[in-house]
Amino acid sequence: MKKLLLIALLIIGCDNFFQDEGICVLKYTETNSYNCYPQTTESQCITDSEKYDSIIISYWGGNYDCNEFCVEETSSSDTCIVN
């Protein structure tokens, strides 16, 4: 059983199991508002942004937490929601 699991990991690769997490900030272009999602993988962030034409990825990464991003990277007139 262990040999089969090892072979499967070698074929598939470990990247699918151990993806980095960061914050995902999606911008809603129609309302110019931001939604921030903590602990999100880059692939999940991309998938979420592709659901609607009016949503784009504003940021994905680990340099900020959601509160820091909302304060430092958005203007005071923008709405930024931490989920």
C-alpha atoms as a PDB file:
ATOM      1  CA  MET A   1       0.000   0.000   0.000  1.00  0.00           C
ATOM      2  CA  LYS A   2       2.832   2.392   0.876  1.00  0.00           C
ATOM      3  CA  LYS A   3       4.504   1.672  -2.460  1.00  0.00           C
ATOM      4  CA  LEU A   4       1.313   2.548  -4.359  1.00  0.00           C
ATOM      5  CA  LEU A   5       0.989   5.824  -2.470  1.00  0.00           C
ATOM      6  CA  LEU A   6       4.620   6.682  -3.152  1.00  0.00           C
ATOM      7  CA  ILE A   7       4.214   5.910  -6.854  1.00  0.00           C
ATOM      8  CA  ALA A   8       1.039   8.007  -7.012  1.00  0.00           C
ATOM      9  CA  LEU A   9       2.833  10.949  -5.392  1.00  0.00           C
ATOM     10  CA  LEU A  10       5.689  10.640  -7.855  1.00  0.00           C
ATOM     11  CA  ILE A  11       3.312  10.572 -10.831  1.00  0.00           C
ATOM     12  CA  ILE A  12       0.912  13.297  -9.673  1.00  0.00           C
ATOM     13  CA  GLY A  13       3.411  15.411  -7.788  1.00  0.00           C
ATOM     14  CA  CYS A  14       3.236  16.894  -4.345  1.00  0.00           C
ATOM     15  CA  ASP A  15       2.347  20.410  -5.519  1.00  0.00           C
ATOM     16  CA  ASN A  16      -1.328  19.497  -5.656  1.00  0.00           C
ATOM     17  CA  PHE A  17      -1.298  18.560  -1.982  1.00  0.00           C
ATOM     18  CA  PHE A  18       0.908  21.304  -0.525  1.00  0.00           C
ATOM     19  CA  GLN A  19      -0.067  24.651  -1.998  1.00  0.00           C
ATOM     20  CA  ASP A  20       0.907  27.944  -0.404  1.00  0.00           C
ATOM     21  CA  GLU A  21      -1.880  29.947   1.139  1.00  0.00           C
ATOM     22  CA  GLY A  22      -2.219  33.692   1.256  1.00  0.00           C
ATOM     23  CA  ILE A  23      -4.905  36.304   1.085  1.00  0.00           C
ATOM     24  CA  CYS A  24      -7.071  36.602  -1.996  1.00  0.00           C
ATOM     25  CA  VAL A  25      -8.407  40.064  -2.733  1.00  0.00           C
ATOM     26  CA  LEU A  26     -11.093  40.213  -5.388  1.00  0.00           C
ATOM     27  CA  LYS A  27     -12.181  43.537  -6.868  1.00  0.00           C
ATOM     28  CA  TYR A  28     -15.745  43.956  -8.044  1.00  0.00           C
ATOM     29  CA  THR A  29     -15.398  46.360 -10.962  1.00  0.00           C
ATOM     30  CA  GLU A  30     -19.069  47.362 -11.058  1.00  0.00           C
ATOM     31  CA  THR A  31     -19.051  48.659  -7.476  1.00  0.00           C
ATOM     32  CA  ASN A  32     -15.305  49.326  -7.095  1.00  0.00           C
ATOM     33  CA  SER A  33     -15.332  47.305  -3.871  1.00  0.00           C
ATOM     34  CA  TYR A  34     -12.912  44.705  -2.566  1.00  0.00           C
ATOM     35  CA  ASN A  35     -13.462  41.408  -0.776  1.00  0.00           C
ATOM     36  CA  CYS A  36     -10.532  39.834   1.045  1.00  0.00           C
ATOM     37  CA  TYR A  37     -10.390  36.110   1.807  1.00  0.00           C
ATOM     38  CA  PRO A  38      -7.655  34.833   4.163  1.00  0.00           C
ATOM     39  CA  GLN A  39      -5.944  31.447   3.875  1.00  0.00           C
ATOM     40  CA  THR A  40      -6.698  30.906   0.199  1.00  0.00           C
ATOM     41  CA  THR A  41      -4.558  29.110  -2.357  1.00  0.00           C
ATOM     42  CA  GLU A  42      -3.629  30.901  -5.551  1.00  0.00           C
ATOM     43  CA  SER A  43      -5.541  28.374  -7.657  1.00  0.00           C
ATOM     44  CA  GLN A  44      -8.708  28.893  -5.580  1.00  0.00           C
ATOM     45  CA  CYS A  45      -8.329  32.664  -5.908  1.00  0.00           C
ATOM     46  CA  ILE A  46      -8.063  32.368  -9.694  1.00  0.00           C
ATOM     47  CA  THR A  47     -11.079  30.047  -9.836  1.00  0.00           C
ATOM     48  CA  ASP A  48     -13.151  32.463  -7.739  1.00  0.00           C
ATOM     49  CA  SER A  49     -12.206  35.406  -9.965  1.00  0.00           C
ATOM     50  CA  GLU A  50     -13.288  33.578 -13.111  1.00  0.00           C
ATOM     51  CA  LYS A  51     -16.874  33.085 -11.937  1.00  0.00           C
ATOM     52  CA  TYR A  52     -18.055  36.510 -13.139  1.00  0.00           C
ATOM     53  CA  ASP A  53     -16.796  39.020 -15.689  1.00  0.00           C
ATOM     54  CA  SER A  54     -17.083  41.847 -13.169  1.00  0.00           C
ATOM     55  CA  ILE A  55     -14.564  40.292 -10.732  1.00  0.00           C
ATOM     56  CA  ILE A  56     -10.781  40.578 -11.059  1.00  0.00           C
ATOM     57  CA  ILE A  57      -7.937  39.547  -8.781  1.00  0.00           C
ATOM     58  CA  SER A  58      -6.526  42.613  -7.109  1.00  0.00           C
ATOM     59  CA  TYR A  59      -3.946  40.725  -5.036  1.00  0.00           C
ATOM     60  CA  TRP A  60      -2.954  37.233  -3.967  1.00  0.00           C
ATOM     61  CA  GLY A  61      -0.047  36.536  -1.655  1.00  0.00           C
ATOM     62  CA  GLY A  62       1.319  36.496   1.832  1.00  0.00           C
ATOM     63  CA  ASN A  63       2.773  39.984   2.239  1.00  0.00           C
ATOM     64  CA  TYR A  64      -0.324  41.300   4.027  1.00  0.00           C
ATOM     65  CA  ASP A  65      -3.173  40.083   6.125  1.00  0.00           C
ATOM     66  CA  CYS A  66      -6.637  41.247   5.041  1.00  0.00           C
ATOM     67  CA  ASN A  67      -6.794  44.152   7.484  1.00  0.00           C
ATOM     68  CA  GLU A  68      -3.377  45.462   6.400  1.00  0.00           C
ATOM     69  CA  PHE A  69      -4.323  45.230   2.731  1.00  0.00           C
ATOM     70  CA  CYS A  70      -7.582  47.099   3.264  1.00  0.00           C
ATOM     71  CA  VAL A  71      -5.826  49.921   5.133  1.00  0.00           C
ATOM     72  CA  GLU A  72      -2.646  50.208   3.052  1.00  0.00           C
ATOM     73  CA  GLU A  73      -3.698  49.347  -0.497  1.00  0.00           C
ATOM     74  CA  THR A  74      -7.204  50.740  -0.910  1.00  0.00           C
ATOM     75  CA  SER A  75      -8.319  54.336  -0.844  1.00  0.00           C
ATOM     76  CA  SER A  76     -10.604  55.682   1.845  1.00  0.00           C
ATOM     77  CA  SER A  77     -13.459  55.888  -0.666  1.00  0.00           C
ATOM     78  CA  ASP A  78     -13.243  52.155  -1.515  1.00  0.00           C
ATOM     79  CA  THR A  79     -15.196  49.495   0.338  1.00  0.00           C
ATOM     80  CA  CYS A  80     -13.011  46.639   1.574  1.00  0.00           C
ATOM     81  CA  ILE A  81     -14.673  43.669   3.286  1.00  0.00           C
ATOM     82  CA  VAL A  82     -12.736  41.017   5.206  1.00  0.00           C
ATOM     83  CA  ASN A  83     -14.407  37.619   4.988  1.00  0.00           C
END
